[in-house]
Protein backbone atom coordinates (compact mmCIF):
# COMPACT_ATOMS: atom_id res chain seq x y z
CA MET A 1 116.52 -56.43 -13.43
CA ARG A 2 114.19 -57.65 -16.13
CA THR A 3 115.14 -60.80 -18.00
CA ILE A 4 113.85 -62.50 -21.12
CA TRP A 5 114.86 -65.84 -22.59
CA SER A 6 116.25 -66.61 -25.99
CA VAL A 7 116.01 -70.10 -27.40
CA THR A 8 117.92 -71.99 -30.08
CA VAL A 9 115.66 -74.48 -31.80
CA LEU A 10 117.17 -77.88 -32.55
CA SER A 11 116.97 -77.99 -36.32
CA LEU A 12 119.78 -78.35 -38.81
CA ILE A 13 117.60 -77.00 -41.63
CA ALA A 14 115.24 -74.29 -40.40
CA PRO A 15 113.79 -73.58 -36.97
CA ALA A 16 110.17 -73.53 -38.14
CA ALA A 17 108.90 -73.89 -34.57
CA ALA A 18 110.48 -70.64 -33.44
CA ALA A 19 107.86 -67.92 -33.76
CA ALA A 20 109.91 -65.28 -31.96
CA ASP A 21 113.44 -64.74 -30.77
CA VAL A 22 112.59 -65.66 -27.20
CA TRP A 23 110.75 -68.56 -25.64
CA GLN A 24 106.99 -68.01 -25.30
CA ASP A 25 107.34 -64.61 -27.06
CA ARG A 26 108.53 -62.95 -23.85
CA VAL A 27 109.94 -59.98 -25.71
CA ILE A 28 110.63 -57.05 -23.38
CA PRO A 29 111.74 -53.99 -25.38
CA CYS A 30 114.53 -51.65 -24.36
CA GLU A 31 113.46 -48.94 -21.96
CA PRO A 32 112.64 -45.64 -23.69
CA GLY A 33 115.46 -43.15 -23.66
CA LYS A 34 118.14 -45.72 -22.78
CA PRO A 35 121.25 -45.97 -24.97
CA GLY A 36 121.27 -48.86 -27.44
CA ILE A 37 124.37 -50.60 -26.19
CA ALA A 38 125.21 -54.17 -25.28
CA ALA A 39 124.77 -55.06 -21.62
CA LEU A 40 128.42 -55.43 -20.83
CA THR A 41 130.51 -52.51 -19.74
CA SER A 42 132.32 -54.28 -16.89
CA SER A 43 131.64 -57.95 -17.56
CA SER A 44 133.94 -60.90 -17.02
CA ARG A 45 136.08 -62.04 -19.93
CA ILE A 46 135.83 -65.71 -18.88
CA LEU A 47 133.48 -68.05 -20.75
CA TYR A 48 133.21 -71.40 -19.00
CA VAL A 49 131.88 -74.28 -21.15
CA SER A 50 130.89 -77.14 -18.86
CA ASP A 51 130.31 -80.73 -20.00
CA CYS A 52 129.01 -81.68 -16.53
CA LYS A 53 131.14 -84.83 -16.44
CA PRO A 54 131.16 -87.20 -14.73
CA ASP A 55 128.01 -86.96 -12.63
CA GLY A 56 125.93 -84.25 -14.28
CA CYS A 57 125.24 -80.71 -13.06
CA PRO A 58 122.62 -79.72 -10.48
CA VAL A 59 120.54 -76.68 -11.42
CA THR A 60 118.49 -74.82 -8.84
CA ARG A 61 115.28 -73.07 -9.81
CA SER A 62 115.64 -69.38 -8.92
CA SER A 63 114.69 -65.90 -10.03
CA GLN A 64 118.42 -65.34 -10.59
CA ASP A 65 120.48 -66.73 -13.48
CA SER A 66 123.94 -67.29 -12.03
CA ALA A 67 126.93 -69.24 -13.25
CA LEU A 68 128.46 -68.92 -9.78
CA ASN A 69 126.02 -71.34 -8.16
CA ASN A 70 124.10 -72.84 -11.12
CA THR A 71 120.77 -71.13 -10.48
CA SER A 72 118.35 -70.54 -13.35
CA SER A 73 115.04 -68.78 -13.92
CA ILE A 74 114.50 -71.04 -16.94
CA ALA A 75 114.52 -74.32 -14.99
CA SER A 76 110.97 -75.47 -14.18
CA ALA A 77 112.18 -76.99 -10.89
CA ASN A 78 115.37 -78.08 -9.19
CA THR A 79 116.91 -80.54 -11.61
CA ARG A 80 120.12 -82.23 -12.78
CA MET A 81 121.48 -82.01 -16.29
CA ASN A 82 122.95 -85.32 -17.38
CA ALA A 83 126.63 -85.25 -18.33
CA TYR A 84 127.77 -84.73 -21.92
CA MET A 85 127.08 -88.07 -23.57
CA HIS A 86 129.77 -87.92 -26.23
CA SER A 87 133.46 -88.77 -25.91
CA ASP A 88 136.13 -86.50 -24.46
CA GLU A 89 137.64 -86.30 -27.95
CA HIS A 90 134.29 -85.14 -29.33
CA PHE A 91 134.03 -82.42 -26.65
CA ALA A 92 137.61 -81.33 -27.39
CA GLN A 93 136.69 -80.77 -31.04
CA VAL A 94 133.70 -78.67 -30.03
CA ILE A 95 135.85 -76.57 -27.69
CA GLU A 96 138.51 -76.11 -30.38
CA CYS A 97 135.80 -74.67 -32.61
CA VAL A 98 134.44 -72.42 -29.83
CA ARG A 99 137.92 -71.07 -29.08
CA ALA A 100 138.55 -70.40 -32.77
CA THR A 101 135.25 -68.51 -33.04
CA MET A 102 136.02 -66.37 -29.99
CA ALA A 103 139.74 -66.00 -30.80
CA PRO A 104 139.57 -62.41 -32.15
CA PHE A 105 138.37 -61.08 -28.79
CA ASP A 106 139.78 -60.80 -25.28
CA ILE A 107 137.60 -63.69 -24.09
CA GLN A 108 139.07 -66.70 -22.31
CA VAL A 109 137.26 -69.93 -23.14
CA THR A 110 137.82 -72.52 -20.42
CA THR A 111 136.54 -75.99 -19.58
CA GLU A 112 137.71 -75.73 -15.97
CA ASP A 113 135.22 -74.33 -13.46
CA PRO A 114 136.57 -70.94 -12.31
CA GLY A 115 134.70 -71.44 -9.03
CA PRO A 116 132.09 -69.34 -7.23
CA GLY A 117 134.60 -66.64 -6.30
CA VAL A 118 135.59 -65.77 -9.89
CA PRO A 119 133.20 -63.79 -12.12
CA HIS A 120 132.41 -65.70 -15.31
CA PHE A 121 129.78 -66.55 -17.88
CA GLU A 122 128.85 -70.21 -18.32
CA VAL A 123 127.28 -72.26 -21.09
CA MET A 124 126.24 -75.58 -19.55
CA THR A 125 126.68 -78.00 -22.46
CA ALA A 126 124.93 -81.16 -21.36
CA GLY A 127 121.61 -82.92 -20.94
CA THR A 128 118.38 -82.29 -22.83
CA SER A 129 115.83 -79.52 -22.96
CA PHE A 130 113.30 -81.74 -21.15
CA GLU A 131 115.65 -82.09 -18.19
CA LEU A 132 115.76 -78.33 -17.75
CA ASN A 133 112.14 -77.56 -18.51
CA PRO A 134 109.57 -79.82 -20.24
CA ASP A 135 108.01 -76.76 -21.86
CA ILE A 136 111.06 -76.13 -24.05
CA GLN A 137 111.30 -79.55 -25.70
CA GLY A 138 112.90 -79.32 -29.14
CA ALA A 139 115.21 -76.46 -28.21
CA GLY A 140 118.92 -76.88 -28.87
CA GLY A 141 119.86 -74.19 -26.35
CA ILE A 142 118.46 -71.36 -24.29
CA ALA A 143 119.77 -68.25 -22.56
CA PRO A 144 118.54 -65.34 -20.48
CA PHE A 145 118.59 -62.13 -22.51
CA ILE A 146 119.28 -59.09 -20.38
CA ASN A 147 117.60 -55.83 -21.34
CA CYS A 148 119.78 -53.26 -23.03
CA SER A 149 120.46 -50.84 -20.22
CA ALA A 150 121.59 -53.60 -17.86
CA ASN A 151 125.09 -54.35 -16.69
CA ARG A 152 124.99 -58.06 -15.92
CA ASN A 153 127.68 -60.63 -15.17
CA ASN A 154 127.93 -64.33 -14.26
CA VAL A 155 125.03 -65.37 -16.51
CA LEU A 156 124.23 -69.09 -16.95
CA SER A 157 122.95 -70.38 -20.30
CA PHE A 158 122.43 -73.86 -21.74
CA VAL A 159 123.16 -75.98 -24.81
CA PHE A 160 121.43 -79.37 -24.82
CA ALA A 161 124.34 -81.45 -26.06
CA ASN A 162 122.70 -84.83 -25.62
CA GLN A 163 120.27 -84.15 -28.45
CA THR A 164 122.81 -84.02 -31.29
CA SER A 165 126.35 -85.11 -32.11
CA ASN A 166 126.93 -82.46 -34.80
CA ILE A 167 130.13 -80.67 -33.79
CA ASP A 168 129.52 -77.54 -35.87
CA TYR A 169 125.99 -77.31 -34.48
CA LEU A 170 127.15 -77.59 -30.87
CA CYS A 171 129.94 -75.07 -31.45
CA THR A 172 127.55 -72.56 -33.00
CA ALA A 173 124.94 -73.16 -30.30
CA ILE A 174 127.49 -72.45 -27.54
CA VAL A 175 128.69 -69.14 -29.00
CA HIS A 176 125.10 -68.26 -29.97
CA GLU A 177 123.82 -68.62 -26.40
CA ALA A 178 126.86 -66.78 -25.05
CA GLY A 179 126.08 -64.06 -27.58
CA HIS A 180 122.61 -63.62 -26.11
CA THR A 181 124.04 -63.11 -22.63
CA TYR A 182 126.37 -60.51 -24.19
CA GLY A 183 123.38 -58.55 -25.54
CA LEU A 184 123.16 -59.87 -29.13
CA SER A 185 119.93 -60.63 -30.98
CA HIS A 186 119.18 -63.18 -33.67
CA THR A 187 120.30 -62.13 -37.14
CA LEU A 188 119.11 -63.04 -40.62
CA TYR A 189 122.67 -63.26 -42.00
CA ALA A 190 123.42 -66.98 -42.24
CA PRO A 191 127.25 -66.92 -41.77
CA ASP A 192 126.91 -65.26 -38.35
CA PRO A 193 126.60 -67.43 -35.20
CA MET A 194 123.52 -65.45 -34.15
CA SER A 195 121.59 -66.72 -37.19
CA TYR A 196 119.37 -69.81 -37.12
CA LYS A 197 120.09 -70.34 -40.81
CA GLU A 198 122.36 -73.23 -41.83
CA LEU A 199 122.93 -74.38 -38.26
CA GLY A 200 125.39 -77.25 -38.20
CA ALA A 201 126.32 -76.89 -41.86
CA TYR A 202 129.74 -75.32 -41.22
CA GLN A 203 131.78 -73.43 -38.64
CA LYS A 204 130.41 -69.89 -38.40
CA GLU A 205 132.31 -66.69 -37.64
CA TRP A 206 131.30 -63.34 -36.14
CA GLN A 207 130.62 -61.00 -39.05
CA ASN A 208 131.79 -57.41 -39.33
CA GLN A 209 128.85 -56.04 -41.25
CA ALA A 210 125.47 -54.50 -40.53
CA GLN A 211 122.90 -57.26 -40.16
CA THR A 212 119.12 -57.22 -40.02
CA CYS A 213 117.81 -58.90 -36.88
CA GLY A 214 115.21 -61.65 -36.85
CA ILE A 215 114.67 -65.37 -37.42
CA GLU A 216 112.75 -65.55 -40.70
CA ASP A 217 113.37 -63.38 -43.77
CA SER A 218 109.65 -62.76 -43.96
CA ASP A 219 109.62 -61.28 -40.46
CA PRO A 220 112.60 -58.99 -39.75
CA GLN A 221 112.69 -57.82 -36.15
CA ARG A 222 114.06 -54.95 -34.11
CA CYS A 223 117.59 -55.49 -32.81
CA SER A 224 117.10 -55.50 -29.06
CA CYS A 225 120.22 -53.61 -28.03
CA PHE A 226 121.15 -51.66 -31.14
CA SER A 227 119.41 -48.98 -33.15
CA GLY A 228 118.80 -50.19 -36.68
CA GLN A 229 121.02 -53.13 -37.59
CA GLN A 230 123.46 -55.20 -35.55
CA ASN A 231 127.17 -55.76 -36.18
CA THR A 232 128.16 -58.69 -33.96
CA PHE A 233 131.93 -58.45 -34.50
CA ARG A 234 132.07 -54.78 -33.60
CA ALA A 235 129.72 -55.28 -30.64
CA LEU A 236 132.00 -57.92 -29.13
CA ARG A 237 135.13 -55.94 -29.93
CA GLU A 238 133.73 -52.86 -28.21
CA ALA A 239 132.61 -54.91 -25.21
CA PHE A 240 135.73 -57.02 -24.67
CA GLY A 241 138.45 -55.57 -26.88
CA LEU A 242 140.61 -57.51 -29.27
CA ASN A 243 142.68 -60.46 -28.14
CA PRO A 244 146.02 -58.93 -27.08
CA GLN A 245 147.78 -61.89 -28.69
CA LEU A 246 146.07 -61.35 -32.06
CA ALA A 247 148.75 -61.04 -34.70
CA PRO A 248 148.85 -57.63 -36.41
CA ALA A 249 147.68 -57.02 -39.94
CA GLU A 250 150.46 -56.47 -42.48
CA MET A 251 150.43 -55.72 -46.19
CA VAL A 252 153.42 -56.82 -48.26
CA ILE A 253 153.91 -55.93 -51.93
CA THR A 254 155.80 -58.89 -53.32
CA THR A 255 156.28 -57.46 -56.81
CA PRO A 256 157.57 -55.09 -58.07
CA ALA A 257 160.42 -54.33 -55.72
CA ASP A 258 160.82 -50.84 -54.35
CA GLY A 259 162.99 -48.81 -56.74
CA ALA A 260 162.49 -51.23 -59.64
CA TYR A 261 162.67 -50.19 -63.29
CA VAL A 262 159.71 -51.73 -65.12
CA LYS A 263 157.99 -51.81 -68.48
CA GLY A 264 154.40 -50.73 -69.07
CA GLY A 265 151.88 -53.41 -68.13
CA PHE A 266 154.14 -54.68 -65.33
CA PRO A 267 152.61 -57.14 -62.83
CA ILE A 268 151.72 -56.11 -59.27
CA ALA A 269 151.23 -58.69 -56.51
CA ALA A 270 150.74 -58.42 -52.77
CA ARG A 271 150.07 -60.49 -49.65
CA PHE A 272 147.76 -59.45 -46.82
CA ASP A 273 148.82 -61.18 -43.61
CA THR A 274 146.11 -61.23 -40.92
CA PRO A 275 144.61 -63.97 -38.77
CA LEU A 276 141.17 -62.56 -39.63
CA ASP A 277 139.11 -62.34 -42.79
CA SER A 278 139.54 -59.30 -45.01
CA LEU A 279 136.99 -56.53 -45.32
CA THR A 280 138.52 -54.44 -48.09
CA ILE A 281 141.63 -54.57 -50.28
CA GLY A 282 142.60 -52.26 -53.11
CA MET A 283 145.53 -51.12 -55.23
CA THR A 284 146.23 -47.62 -56.48
CA ILE A 285 148.78 -46.17 -58.87
CA ASP A 286 149.75 -42.64 -57.87
CA SER A 287 146.48 -40.85 -57.06
CA GLY A 288 144.38 -42.98 -59.37
CA PRO A 289 141.21 -44.90 -58.50
CA VAL A 290 141.25 -47.83 -56.09
CA GLN A 291 141.27 -51.14 -57.95
CA PRO A 292 139.87 -54.12 -56.02
CA PRO A 293 141.62 -57.46 -56.47
CA PRO A 294 140.26 -59.28 -59.52
CA ASN A 295 138.64 -62.62 -58.63
CA GLY A 296 139.86 -62.26 -55.05
CA PHE A 297 143.53 -62.63 -55.95
CA LEU A 298 145.93 -59.87 -54.92
CA ALA A 299 147.36 -59.55 -58.41
CA TRP A 300 147.01 -56.76 -60.94
CA ASN A 301 148.66 -55.50 -64.11
CA ALA A 302 149.58 -51.87 -64.52
CA PRO A 303 148.22 -50.22 -67.68
CA ALA A 304 150.41 -50.78 -70.71
CA THR A 305 149.94 -47.07 -71.46
CA LEU A 306 151.28 -45.88 -68.09
CA ALA A 307 153.47 -42.86 -68.76
CA PRO A 308 157.24 -43.33 -68.54
CA GLY A 309 158.82 -42.02 -65.37
CA PRO A 310 158.37 -42.43 -61.60
CA HIS A 311 155.16 -43.84 -60.10
CA THR A 312 153.93 -44.89 -56.66
CA ILE A 313 152.18 -48.25 -56.22
CA THR A 314 150.11 -48.65 -53.04
CA VAL A 315 148.18 -51.66 -51.83
CA ALA A 316 145.99 -51.22 -48.74
CA GLY A 317 143.64 -53.54 -46.88
CA THR A 318 141.36 -53.65 -43.84
CA ASP A 319 140.63 -56.80 -41.88
CA PHE A 320 137.60 -57.83 -39.81
CA ALA A 321 138.95 -55.94 -36.81
CA ASP A 322 138.94 -52.73 -38.88
CA ARG A 323 142.72 -52.73 -38.78
CA MET A 324 144.26 -51.11 -41.85
CA ALA A 325 147.62 -52.06 -43.35
CA SER A 326 149.28 -50.72 -46.45
CA GLN A 327 152.56 -50.63 -48.30
CA SER A 328 153.85 -48.43 -51.10
CA VAL A 329 156.73 -48.93 -53.52
CA GLN A 330 158.31 -46.55 -56.00
CA VAL A 331 158.94 -47.71 -59.55
CA THR A 332 160.19 -46.11 -62.74
CA VAL A 333 158.47 -47.00 -65.99
CA LEU A 334 160.92 -47.20 -68.88
CA ALA A 335 160.26 -45.25 -72.04
């Protein structure tokens, strides 16, 4: 099993020191003829985020990267990562953010060690980069990146929490390094957790759109495990499935009421209920063109010249999980 490393540079503005998407440019391309899929087909759904309290976490230098016994190929020698230096309340806020970011998927984020007998991924969130390996000073996190045709579980990655107190940064770094162990590359699209851009500026979300891979706009790179561009939301959904407790998407036309008699130019309003962001929303009258919501508000006005008689009003939307919901009502326009 060939392994490369991916590093998150500790910078809240731009990671100018990162010349490639792995430490020391150890980029190993996908094997020719292998399918471009994430390295996951039977992986654990448990993501353990460890703060190494109270006494720190021992890490053993090894050719294997294992969350089961804290061995790492990235460590320069046997070492100990100092415990998370911030308060328990601070760590709880970070974990709340991590859980919210992972909430769309069937991934269990835990702060309790599942133990060596339970398959799991781990992001060790403690210590400094120097403690793990003096050659990666300045990094905010680092992870093994498994080549595309692999099927790997129990991977250990790191976020160096004692180098910053920025909650949004730590949250993004944790899901970013987990993303690498799930087969995701860096992306140039700032709102996505796999992007170096705007780290720590806000809470990021996995994005359901095709993204160009790379670190700098001037140097787009090949997506390691996907042909062409990378869609992180769909990659994680296909690997883990949606959270079974995720509330369904529902479209509700709030006005006009079904069966209503209306005048030309009547208002149309709707509500799209989903715990996720929306991808598309549109309204149609009969078989007419789809009308997107003006200014983002689900409110339209029918044409004042709409012919008298019966008409069908339909509002449909798709959320980030590609779940479609629609509702139609019948109205009669008065002469």
